[in-house]
Amino acid sequence: YLAPWDHKFDLRQAVRALSQIPRFGGHAGGYSVAQHCVLVSVICTSRPWDGLAHDLAEAYYGDFPTPLKRLMKESSPILKARLNAIDLAVEEAFLFMPDQEAVKKADLTALSTERRDLMPTGCNDIWAPLPPPLDYTIVPLTPERAEQAWWAQYHKLLAKGKAPHFSPVPGYTAVPC
């Protein structure tokens, strides 16, 4: 955490961790960060790798609900600097740029769909106006299936030349998502 550029990041470990980390502090019925990343990648057709990889840093510090993350960064410049350093080191290690406008828009569309399908109704007023949700209903996957879905999307992008090659990466067993 103090020297993130010295860490040897491993994509396999990061994806496994994301499949185990629940979105929204666990209030979304088992929906994981890995499954969220797949959804963002599918929505973000112009930058699908950046969408798939956009939350990889959360494999190293977890998924803080957005209001809490904002508060933490506002109240602690030291914590903000540490989280930003980890974000940048992970982005460099995995060759992605999550701050692209297309990724942000896809992330908000995913959030809108997640809010509709997964969140208790009392939680819906904490976000600014969001884009319309997708005509798709999210069904949370088990951690194992979320991890498989992430790898399936990665291999699909890799085959199209839309993702960087990392070695070694596991193959995957295609499963319906």
N, C-alpha and C. Protein backbone atom coordinates (compact mmCIF):
# COMPACT_ATOMS: atom_id res chain seq x y z
N TYR A 1 0.81 -1.20 0.00
CA TYR A 1 0.00 0.00 0.00
C TYR A 1 0.85 1.26 0.00
N LEU A 2 2.08 1.16 0.50
CA LEU A 2 2.95 2.32 0.54
C LEU A 2 3.78 2.47 -0.72
N ALA A 3 4.00 1.37 -1.44
CA ALA A 3 4.79 1.41 -2.68
C ALA A 3 4.12 0.52 -3.73
N PRO A 4 2.96 0.93 -4.23
CA PRO A 4 2.22 0.03 -5.13
C PRO A 4 2.94 -0.29 -6.43
N TRP A 5 3.84 0.58 -6.91
CA TRP A 5 4.55 0.29 -8.16
C TRP A 5 5.56 -0.83 -7.97
N ASP A 6 5.88 -1.18 -6.74
CA ASP A 6 6.81 -2.29 -6.48
C ASP A 6 6.09 -3.64 -6.42
N HIS A 7 4.76 -3.62 -6.42
CA HIS A 7 3.97 -4.85 -6.31
C HIS A 7 3.95 -5.58 -7.65
N LYS A 8 3.99 -6.88 -7.60
CA LYS A 8 3.86 -7.70 -8.80
C LYS A 8 2.39 -8.11 -8.93
N PHE A 9 1.65 -7.32 -9.67
CA PHE A 9 0.22 -7.57 -9.83
C PHE A 9 0.00 -8.81 -10.68
N ASP A 10 -0.99 -9.59 -10.32
CA ASP A 10 -1.31 -10.84 -11.01
C ASP A 10 -2.78 -10.77 -11.41
N LEU A 11 -3.04 -10.79 -12.70
CA LEU A 11 -4.41 -10.68 -13.19
C LEU A 11 -5.30 -11.80 -12.68
N ARG A 12 -4.76 -13.01 -12.59
CA ARG A 12 -5.56 -14.14 -12.11
C ARG A 12 -6.04 -13.89 -10.68
N GLN A 13 -5.12 -13.44 -9.83
CA GLN A 13 -5.49 -13.16 -8.43
C GLN A 13 -6.48 -12.01 -8.34
N ALA A 14 -6.27 -10.98 -9.16
CA ALA A 14 -7.16 -9.83 -9.12
C ALA A 14 -8.58 -10.21 -9.53
N VAL A 15 -8.71 -10.99 -10.60
CA VAL A 15 -10.04 -11.39 -11.06
C VAL A 15 -10.71 -12.30 -10.03
N ARG A 16 -9.95 -13.20 -9.44
CA ARG A 16 -10.52 -14.06 -8.39
C ARG A 16 -11.05 -13.19 -7.24
N ALA A 17 -10.27 -12.20 -6.83
CA ALA A 17 -10.71 -11.31 -5.75
C ALA A 17 -11.97 -10.56 -6.14
N LEU A 18 -12.01 -10.01 -7.36
CA LEU A 18 -13.20 -9.25 -7.79
C LEU A 18 -14.46 -10.13 -7.78
N SER A 19 -14.29 -11.40 -8.08
CA SER A 19 -15.46 -12.29 -8.10
C SER A 19 -15.98 -12.56 -6.68
N GLN A 20 -15.15 -12.30 -5.69
CA GLN A 20 -15.53 -12.53 -4.28
C GLN A 20 -16.00 -11.25 -3.59
N ILE A 21 -15.79 -10.09 -4.21
CA ILE A 21 -16.12 -8.81 -3.59
C ILE A 21 -17.52 -8.39 -4.00
N PRO A 22 -18.42 -8.23 -3.03
CA PRO A 22 -19.78 -7.82 -3.37
C PRO A 22 -19.86 -6.33 -3.68
N ARG A 23 -20.71 -5.99 -4.63
CA ARG A 23 -20.99 -4.58 -4.92
C ARG A 23 -21.91 -4.03 -3.84
N PHE A 24 -21.86 -2.74 -3.66
CA PHE A 24 -22.77 -2.02 -2.76
C PHE A 24 -22.71 -2.54 -1.33
N GLY A 25 -21.52 -2.88 -0.87
CA GLY A 25 -21.37 -3.32 0.51
C GLY A 25 -22.15 -4.59 0.83
N GLY A 26 -22.44 -5.39 -0.17
CA GLY A 26 -23.16 -6.63 0.04
C GLY A 26 -24.67 -6.50 -0.01
N HIS A 27 -25.18 -5.31 -0.32
CA HIS A 27 -26.63 -5.09 -0.33
C HIS A 27 -27.28 -5.40 -1.67
N ALA A 28 -26.56 -6.06 -2.57
CA ALA A 28 -27.10 -6.32 -3.91
C ALA A 28 -27.25 -7.81 -4.19
N GLY A 29 -27.53 -8.59 -3.18
CA GLY A 29 -27.88 -9.99 -3.38
C GLY A 29 -26.80 -10.85 -4.00
N GLY A 30 -25.55 -10.66 -3.63
CA GLY A 30 -24.48 -11.51 -4.14
C GLY A 30 -23.88 -11.06 -5.45
N TYR A 31 -24.28 -9.92 -5.93
CA TYR A 31 -23.74 -9.37 -7.18
C TYR A 31 -22.31 -8.89 -6.94
N SER A 32 -21.37 -9.35 -7.75
CA SER A 32 -19.95 -9.07 -7.50
C SER A 32 -19.40 -7.96 -8.39
N VAL A 33 -18.27 -7.45 -7.98
CA VAL A 33 -17.56 -6.46 -8.78
C VAL A 33 -17.16 -7.06 -10.13
N ALA A 34 -16.77 -8.32 -10.16
CA ALA A 34 -16.40 -8.96 -11.43
C ALA A 34 -17.57 -8.96 -12.40
N GLN A 35 -18.76 -9.31 -11.93
CA GLN A 35 -19.92 -9.32 -12.81
C GLN A 35 -20.24 -7.90 -13.29
N HIS A 36 -20.10 -6.92 -12.41
CA HIS A 36 -20.30 -5.52 -12.78
C HIS A 36 -19.33 -5.13 -13.90
N CYS A 37 -18.07 -5.53 -13.79
CA CYS A 37 -17.06 -5.19 -14.80
C CYS A 37 -17.41 -5.79 -16.16
N VAL A 38 -17.94 -6.99 -16.17
CA VAL A 38 -18.36 -7.61 -17.43
C VAL A 38 -19.48 -6.78 -18.05
N LEU A 39 -20.43 -6.36 -17.24
CA LEU A 39 -21.54 -5.55 -17.74
C LEU A 39 -21.02 -4.24 -18.32
N VAL A 40 -20.13 -3.57 -17.62
CA VAL A 40 -19.57 -2.31 -18.12
C VAL A 40 -18.84 -2.54 -19.44
N SER A 41 -18.10 -3.62 -19.54
CA SER A 41 -17.38 -3.94 -20.78
C SER A 41 -18.33 -4.14 -21.95
N VAL A 42 -19.41 -4.83 -21.72
CA VAL A 42 -20.39 -5.09 -22.78
C VAL A 42 -21.05 -3.78 -23.22
N ILE A 43 -21.34 -2.91 -22.28
CA ILE A 43 -21.97 -1.63 -22.60
C ILE A 43 -20.99 -0.72 -23.35
N CYS A 44 -19.74 -0.73 -22.93
CA CYS A 44 -18.72 0.19 -23.44
C CYS A 44 -18.06 -0.37 -24.70
N THR A 45 -18.78 -0.37 -25.79
CA THR A 45 -18.29 -1.00 -27.02
C THR A 45 -17.07 -0.31 -27.61
N SER A 46 -16.89 0.99 -27.33
CA SER A 46 -15.73 1.68 -27.90
C SER A 46 -14.44 1.43 -27.11
N ARG A 47 -14.56 1.03 -25.84
CA ARG A 47 -13.38 0.77 -25.00
C ARG A 47 -13.66 -0.43 -24.09
N PRO A 48 -13.95 -1.59 -24.66
CA PRO A 48 -14.39 -2.72 -23.83
C PRO A 48 -13.35 -3.21 -22.83
N TRP A 49 -12.05 -3.18 -23.17
CA TRP A 49 -11.05 -3.61 -22.20
C TRP A 49 -11.02 -2.66 -21.01
N ASP A 50 -11.06 -1.36 -21.28
CA ASP A 50 -11.07 -0.39 -20.19
C ASP A 50 -12.29 -0.61 -19.30
N GLY A 51 -13.41 -0.95 -19.90
CA GLY A 51 -14.60 -1.23 -19.10
C GLY A 51 -14.45 -2.49 -18.26
N LEU A 52 -13.87 -3.53 -18.85
CA LEU A 52 -13.69 -4.78 -18.12
C LEU A 52 -12.71 -4.62 -16.97
N ALA A 53 -11.69 -3.80 -17.18
CA ALA A 53 -10.62 -3.65 -16.19
C ALA A 53 -10.84 -2.49 -15.23
N HIS A 54 -11.89 -1.69 -15.43
CA HIS A 54 -12.00 -0.41 -14.72
C HIS A 54 -11.99 -0.49 -13.20
N ASP A 55 -12.38 -1.59 -12.62
CA ASP A 55 -12.40 -1.71 -11.16
C ASP A 55 -11.34 -2.68 -10.62
N LEU A 56 -10.33 -3.00 -11.42
CA LEU A 56 -9.31 -3.95 -10.96
C LEU A 56 -8.61 -3.51 -9.68
N ALA A 57 -8.47 -2.22 -9.44
CA ALA A 57 -7.82 -1.76 -8.20
C ALA A 57 -8.61 -2.20 -6.97
N GLU A 58 -9.90 -2.41 -7.12
CA GLU A 58 -10.72 -2.84 -5.98
C GLU A 58 -10.32 -4.23 -5.51
N ALA A 59 -9.62 -4.98 -6.33
CA ALA A 59 -9.10 -6.29 -5.89
C ALA A 59 -8.09 -6.11 -4.77
N TYR A 60 -7.54 -4.92 -4.65
CA TYR A 60 -6.50 -4.66 -3.65
C TYR A 60 -6.97 -3.83 -2.47
N TYR A 61 -8.11 -3.15 -2.59
CA TYR A 61 -8.62 -2.40 -1.43
C TYR A 61 -10.13 -2.53 -1.22
N GLY A 62 -10.81 -3.31 -2.02
CA GLY A 62 -12.23 -3.55 -1.81
C GLY A 62 -13.11 -2.55 -2.53
N ASP A 63 -14.41 -2.79 -2.48
CA ASP A 63 -15.39 -1.92 -3.12
C ASP A 63 -16.08 -1.13 -2.03
N PHE A 64 -15.69 0.11 -1.89
CA PHE A 64 -16.37 0.99 -0.94
C PHE A 64 -17.59 1.57 -1.63
N PRO A 65 -18.74 1.57 -0.97
CA PRO A 65 -19.88 2.26 -1.58
C PRO A 65 -19.48 3.71 -1.90
N THR A 66 -19.93 4.21 -3.05
CA THR A 66 -19.51 5.52 -3.54
C THR A 66 -19.64 6.64 -2.52
N PRO A 67 -20.75 6.76 -1.80
CA PRO A 67 -20.82 7.85 -0.82
C PRO A 67 -19.73 7.75 0.25
N LEU A 68 -19.41 6.54 0.69
CA LEU A 68 -18.36 6.35 1.68
C LEU A 68 -16.99 6.66 1.08
N LYS A 69 -16.75 6.22 -0.14
CA LYS A 69 -15.46 6.48 -0.78
C LYS A 69 -15.23 7.98 -0.94
N ARG A 70 -16.27 8.70 -1.36
CA ARG A 70 -16.16 10.17 -1.48
C ARG A 70 -15.82 10.80 -0.14
N LEU A 71 -16.53 10.38 0.90
CA LEU A 71 -16.29 10.92 2.24
C LEU A 71 -14.88 10.61 2.71
N MET A 72 -14.42 9.39 2.47
CA MET A 72 -13.06 9.01 2.88
C MET A 72 -12.02 9.87 2.18
N LYS A 73 -12.19 10.08 0.89
CA LYS A 73 -11.22 10.87 0.14
C LYS A 73 -11.27 12.35 0.54
N GLU A 74 -12.47 12.86 0.83
CA GLU A 74 -12.61 14.26 1.23
C GLU A 74 -12.02 14.50 2.61
N SER A 75 -12.18 13.55 3.51
CA SER A 75 -11.78 13.76 4.90
C SER A 75 -10.33 13.37 5.18
N SER A 76 -9.71 12.61 4.29
CA SER A 76 -8.35 12.17 4.54
C SER A 76 -7.48 12.31 3.30
N PRO A 77 -6.71 13.39 3.21
CA PRO A 77 -5.83 13.55 2.05
C PRO A 77 -4.80 12.41 1.94
N ILE A 78 -4.39 11.86 3.06
CA ILE A 78 -3.42 10.76 3.02
C ILE A 78 -4.06 9.52 2.40
N LEU A 79 -5.27 9.19 2.84
CA LEU A 79 -5.97 8.04 2.27
C LEU A 79 -6.25 8.27 0.78
N LYS A 80 -6.66 9.47 0.43
CA LYS A 80 -6.92 9.79 -0.98
C LYS A 80 -5.65 9.56 -1.80
N ALA A 81 -4.52 10.02 -1.31
CA ALA A 81 -3.26 9.84 -2.03
C ALA A 81 -2.89 8.36 -2.16
N ARG A 82 -3.11 7.56 -1.12
CA ARG A 82 -2.80 6.13 -1.17
C ARG A 82 -3.70 5.43 -2.17
N LEU A 83 -5.01 5.69 -2.12
CA LEU A 83 -5.93 5.04 -3.05
C LEU A 83 -5.62 5.45 -4.49
N ASN A 84 -5.33 6.72 -4.70
CA ASN A 84 -4.99 7.18 -6.05
C ASN A 84 -3.71 6.51 -6.55
N ALA A 85 -2.72 6.34 -5.68
CA ALA A 85 -1.47 5.68 -6.08
C ALA A 85 -1.72 4.23 -6.47
N ILE A 86 -2.55 3.55 -5.68
CA ILE A 86 -2.88 2.15 -6.01
C ILE A 86 -3.62 2.10 -7.34
N ASP A 87 -4.60 3.00 -7.52
CA ASP A 87 -5.33 3.05 -8.79
C ASP A 87 -4.37 3.20 -9.97
N LEU A 88 -3.46 4.14 -9.87
CA LEU A 88 -2.53 4.40 -10.97
C LEU A 88 -1.58 3.23 -11.23
N ALA A 89 -1.10 2.60 -10.17
CA ALA A 89 -0.20 1.45 -10.34
C ALA A 89 -0.93 0.28 -10.99
N VAL A 90 -2.17 0.04 -10.61
CA VAL A 90 -2.96 -1.04 -11.20
C VAL A 90 -3.27 -0.72 -12.67
N GLU A 91 -3.63 0.52 -12.96
CA GLU A 91 -3.90 0.92 -14.34
C GLU A 91 -2.66 0.70 -15.21
N GLU A 92 -1.51 1.05 -14.70
CA GLU A 92 -0.26 0.87 -15.44
C GLU A 92 0.05 -0.62 -15.62
N ALA A 93 -0.15 -1.41 -14.57
CA ALA A 93 0.16 -2.84 -14.65
C ALA A 93 -0.74 -3.57 -15.65
N PHE A 94 -2.00 -3.16 -15.72
CA PHE A 94 -2.95 -3.87 -16.56
C PHE A 94 -3.36 -3.10 -17.81
N LEU A 95 -2.65 -2.01 -18.09
CA LEU A 95 -2.78 -1.29 -19.36
C LEU A 95 -4.21 -0.86 -19.70
N PHE A 96 -4.83 -0.14 -18.78
CA PHE A 96 -6.17 0.36 -19.06
C PHE A 96 -6.30 1.80 -18.57
N MET A 97 -7.36 2.46 -19.06
CA MET A 97 -7.63 3.85 -18.71
C MET A 97 -9.11 3.99 -18.34
N PRO A 98 -9.44 3.87 -17.05
CA PRO A 98 -10.84 3.89 -16.67
C PRO A 98 -11.47 5.27 -16.67
N ASP A 99 -10.69 6.32 -16.77
CA ASP A 99 -11.25 7.66 -16.71
C ASP A 99 -11.75 8.16 -18.05
N GLN A 100 -11.78 7.32 -19.04
CA GLN A 100 -12.30 7.71 -20.34
C GLN A 100 -13.80 7.97 -20.23
N GLU A 101 -14.28 8.95 -20.96
CA GLU A 101 -15.69 9.34 -20.91
C GLU A 101 -16.61 8.15 -21.24
N ALA A 102 -16.21 7.33 -22.21
CA ALA A 102 -17.04 6.19 -22.60
C ALA A 102 -17.18 5.19 -21.45
N VAL A 103 -16.10 4.99 -20.69
CA VAL A 103 -16.15 4.06 -19.56
C VAL A 103 -17.04 4.63 -18.45
N LYS A 104 -16.90 5.91 -18.18
CA LYS A 104 -17.73 6.54 -17.15
C LYS A 104 -19.20 6.43 -17.51
N LYS A 105 -19.52 6.69 -18.77
CA LYS A 105 -20.92 6.61 -19.21
C LYS A 105 -21.45 5.17 -19.08
N ALA A 106 -20.66 4.19 -19.49
CA ALA A 106 -21.07 2.79 -19.37
C ALA A 106 -21.22 2.39 -17.91
N ASP A 107 -20.33 2.88 -17.05
CA ASP A 107 -20.41 2.58 -15.62
C ASP A 107 -21.71 3.14 -15.03
N LEU A 108 -22.09 4.34 -15.44
CA LEU A 108 -23.34 4.93 -14.94
C LEU A 108 -24.57 4.20 -15.47
N THR A 109 -24.51 3.73 -16.72
CA THR A 109 -25.62 2.94 -17.26
C THR A 109 -25.74 1.62 -16.51
N ALA A 110 -24.60 1.00 -16.21
CA ALA A 110 -24.62 -0.23 -15.41
C ALA A 110 -25.19 0.07 -14.03
N LEU A 111 -24.77 1.17 -13.41
CA LEU A 111 -25.29 1.55 -12.10
C LEU A 111 -26.79 1.75 -12.14
N SER A 112 -27.29 2.39 -13.16
CA SER A 112 -28.72 2.60 -13.29
C SER A 112 -29.47 1.26 -13.36
N THR A 113 -28.92 0.32 -14.11
CA THR A 113 -29.54 -1.00 -14.23
C THR A 113 -29.43 -1.77 -12.92
N GLU A 114 -28.28 -1.68 -12.27
CA GLU A 114 -28.08 -2.34 -10.96
C GLU A 114 -29.04 -1.76 -9.92
N ARG A 115 -29.17 -0.46 -9.93
CA ARG A 115 -30.07 0.20 -8.97
C ARG A 115 -31.50 -0.32 -9.14
N ARG A 116 -31.94 -0.41 -10.39
CA ARG A 116 -33.30 -0.89 -10.66
C ARG A 116 -33.48 -2.35 -10.25
N ASP A 117 -32.49 -3.20 -10.58
CA ASP A 117 -32.66 -4.65 -10.41
C ASP A 117 -32.21 -5.19 -9.06
N LEU A 118 -31.30 -4.51 -8.39
CA LEU A 118 -30.64 -5.14 -7.25
C LEU A 118 -30.76 -4.40 -5.92
N MET A 119 -31.06 -3.11 -5.96
CA MET A 119 -31.01 -2.32 -4.74
C MET A 119 -32.38 -2.19 -4.09
N PRO A 120 -32.40 -2.17 -2.75
CA PRO A 120 -33.67 -1.88 -2.07
C PRO A 120 -34.15 -0.49 -2.48
N THR A 121 -35.46 -0.30 -2.54
CA THR A 121 -36.00 0.96 -3.05
C THR A 121 -35.55 2.18 -2.24
N GLY A 122 -35.31 2.06 -0.96
CA GLY A 122 -34.89 3.20 -0.15
C GLY A 122 -33.50 3.70 -0.48
N CYS A 123 -32.72 2.92 -1.22
CA CYS A 123 -31.35 3.31 -1.56
C CYS A 123 -31.26 4.07 -2.87
N ASN A 124 -32.34 4.24 -3.55
CA ASN A 124 -32.29 4.80 -4.89
C ASN A 124 -32.08 6.30 -4.95
N ASP A 125 -32.20 7.00 -3.85
CA ASP A 125 -32.11 8.46 -3.90
C ASP A 125 -30.72 9.00 -3.61
N ILE A 126 -29.70 8.16 -3.47
CA ILE A 126 -28.38 8.65 -3.11
C ILE A 126 -27.53 8.99 -4.33
N TRP A 127 -28.01 8.68 -5.54
CA TRP A 127 -27.26 8.98 -6.73
C TRP A 127 -27.90 10.14 -7.47
N ALA A 128 -27.04 10.87 -8.17
CA ALA A 128 -27.53 11.93 -9.05
C ALA A 128 -28.35 11.28 -10.16
N PRO A 129 -29.02 12.06 -10.96
CA PRO A 129 -29.75 11.46 -12.08
C PRO A 129 -28.83 10.58 -12.92
N LEU A 130 -29.34 9.43 -13.25
CA LEU A 130 -28.57 8.44 -14.01
C LEU A 130 -29.20 8.24 -15.39
N PRO A 131 -28.42 7.72 -16.34
CA PRO A 131 -29.01 7.39 -17.64
C PRO A 131 -30.04 6.29 -17.48
N PRO A 132 -30.86 6.09 -18.49
CA PRO A 132 -31.85 5.02 -18.40
C PRO A 132 -31.17 3.66 -18.25
N PRO A 133 -31.81 2.73 -17.51
CA PRO A 133 -31.24 1.39 -17.40
C PRO A 133 -31.37 0.63 -18.71
N LEU A 134 -30.62 -0.45 -18.79
CA LEU A 134 -30.66 -1.32 -19.96
C LEU A 134 -31.96 -2.11 -20.00
N ASP A 135 -32.33 -2.58 -21.18
CA ASP A 135 -33.45 -3.52 -21.33
C ASP A 135 -32.89 -4.91 -21.10
N TYR A 136 -32.45 -5.14 -19.91
CA TYR A 136 -31.76 -6.37 -19.51
C TYR A 136 -31.95 -6.47 -18.01
N THR A 137 -32.26 -7.64 -17.52
CA THR A 137 -32.42 -7.83 -16.08
C THR A 137 -31.19 -8.55 -15.54
N ILE A 138 -30.57 -7.94 -14.54
CA ILE A 138 -29.37 -8.53 -13.93
C ILE A 138 -29.78 -9.63 -12.97
N VAL A 139 -29.15 -10.77 -13.11
CA VAL A 139 -29.31 -11.88 -12.18
C VAL A 139 -27.92 -12.14 -11.60
N PRO A 140 -27.74 -11.96 -10.29
CA PRO A 140 -26.41 -12.16 -9.71
C PRO A 140 -25.89 -13.57 -9.95
N LEU A 141 -24.61 -13.64 -10.28
CA LEU A 141 -23.94 -14.92 -10.49
C LEU A 141 -23.20 -15.32 -9.22
N THR A 142 -22.96 -16.60 -9.07
CA THR A 142 -22.09 -17.04 -7.97
C THR A 142 -20.69 -16.49 -8.23
N PRO A 143 -19.84 -16.44 -7.22
CA PRO A 143 -18.47 -15.98 -7.46
C PRO A 143 -17.76 -16.78 -8.56
N GLU A 144 -17.96 -18.08 -8.58
CA GLU A 144 -17.31 -18.91 -9.59
C GLU A 144 -17.77 -18.54 -10.99
N ARG A 145 -19.07 -18.36 -11.15
CA ARG A 145 -19.61 -18.02 -12.47
C ARG A 145 -19.26 -16.60 -12.86
N ALA A 146 -19.18 -15.69 -11.90
CA ALA A 146 -18.76 -14.32 -12.19
C ALA A 146 -17.32 -14.30 -12.68
N GLU A 147 -16.48 -15.10 -12.04
CA GLU A 147 -15.08 -15.19 -12.48
C GLU A 147 -15.01 -15.77 -13.89
N GLN A 148 -15.78 -16.82 -14.16
CA GLN A 148 -15.81 -17.40 -15.50
C GLN A 148 -16.31 -16.39 -16.53
N ALA A 149 -17.33 -15.62 -16.17
CA ALA A 149 -17.87 -14.62 -17.09
C ALA A 149 -16.82 -13.55 -17.39
N TRP A 150 -16.05 -13.14 -16.38
CA TRP A 150 -15.00 -12.15 -16.59
C TRP A 150 -13.97 -12.70 -17.58
N TRP A 151 -13.52 -13.93 -17.34
CA TRP A 151 -12.52 -14.53 -18.24
C TRP A 151 -13.08 -14.76 -19.64
N ALA A 152 -14.35 -15.13 -19.73
CA ALA A 152 -14.95 -15.33 -21.05
C ALA A 152 -14.95 -14.01 -21.83
N GLN A 153 -15.29 -12.92 -21.15
CA GLN A 153 -15.28 -11.62 -21.81
C GLN A 153 -13.84 -11.22 -22.20
N TYR A 154 -12.91 -11.48 -21.31
CA TYR A 154 -11.50 -11.16 -21.60
C TYR A 154 -11.03 -11.92 -22.84
N HIS A 155 -11.27 -13.21 -22.90
CA HIS A 155 -10.82 -14.01 -24.04
C HIS A 155 -11.52 -13.60 -25.34
N LYS A 156 -12.77 -13.20 -25.22
CA LYS A 156 -13.49 -12.70 -26.40
C LYS A 156 -12.81 -11.42 -26.91
N LEU A 157 -12.49 -10.51 -26.00
CA LEU A 157 -11.81 -9.27 -26.39
C LEU A 157 -10.40 -9.55 -26.92
N LEU A 158 -9.71 -10.47 -26.28
CA LEU A 158 -8.35 -10.83 -26.70
C LEU A 158 -8.37 -11.37 -28.13
N ALA A 159 -9.33 -12.23 -28.43
CA ALA A 159 -9.43 -12.82 -29.77
C ALA A 159 -9.70 -11.76 -30.84
N LYS A 160 -10.36 -10.67 -30.44
CA LYS A 160 -10.66 -9.58 -31.38
C LYS A 160 -9.56 -8.51 -31.38
N GLY A 161 -8.50 -8.73 -30.60
CA GLY A 161 -7.43 -7.74 -30.52
C GLY A 161 -7.81 -6.51 -29.73
N LYS A 162 -8.79 -6.64 -28.84
CA LYS A 162 -9.28 -5.49 -28.07
C LYS A 162 -8.88 -5.53 -26.61
N ALA A 163 -7.97 -6.43 -26.25
CA ALA A 163 -7.46 -6.52 -24.88
C ALA A 163 -5.99 -6.90 -24.95
N PRO A 164 -5.20 -6.41 -24.00
CA PRO A 164 -3.79 -6.80 -23.98
C PRO A 164 -3.64 -8.25 -23.56
N HIS A 165 -2.55 -8.87 -24.00
CA HIS A 165 -2.29 -10.26 -23.62
C HIS A 165 -1.45 -10.28 -22.36
N PHE A 166 -1.91 -11.03 -21.38
CA PHE A 166 -1.16 -11.24 -20.15
C PHE A 166 -0.86 -12.72 -20.06
N SER A 167 0.32 -13.06 -19.59
CA SER A 167 0.71 -14.45 -19.51
C SER A 167 1.21 -14.75 -18.11
N PRO A 168 0.84 -15.84 -17.52
CA PRO A 168 -0.18 -16.76 -18.01
C PRO A 168 -1.57 -16.31 -17.56
N VAL A 169 -2.56 -16.60 -18.35
CA VAL A 169 -3.94 -16.39 -17.95
C VAL A 169 -4.67 -17.70 -18.15
N PRO A 170 -5.62 -17.98 -17.30
CA PRO A 170 -6.33 -19.24 -17.45
C PRO A 170 -7.25 -19.23 -18.66
N GLY A 171 -7.52 -20.40 -19.14
CA GLY A 171 -8.57 -20.53 -20.13
C GLY A 171 -9.89 -20.41 -19.38
N TYR A 172 -10.93 -20.72 -20.00
CA TYR A 172 -12.21 -20.65 -19.31
C TYR A 172 -13.11 -21.72 -19.87
N THR A 173 -14.09 -22.06 -19.08
CA THR A 173 -15.13 -22.97 -19.54
C THR A 173 -16.34 -22.13 -19.85
N ALA A 174 -16.76 -22.14 -21.08
CA ALA A 174 -17.90 -21.32 -21.47
C ALA A 174 -19.14 -21.81 -20.74
N VAL A 175 -19.81 -20.88 -20.10
CA VAL A 175 -21.06 -21.18 -19.42
C VAL A 175 -22.04 -20.10 -19.79
N PRO A 176 -23.32 -20.42 -19.90
CA PRO A 176 -24.28 -19.37 -20.18
C PRO A 176 -24.37 -18.41 -18.99
N CYS A 177 -24.38 -17.14 -19.28
CA CYS A 177 -24.42 -16.12 -18.21
C CYS A 177 -25.80 -15.58 -18.00
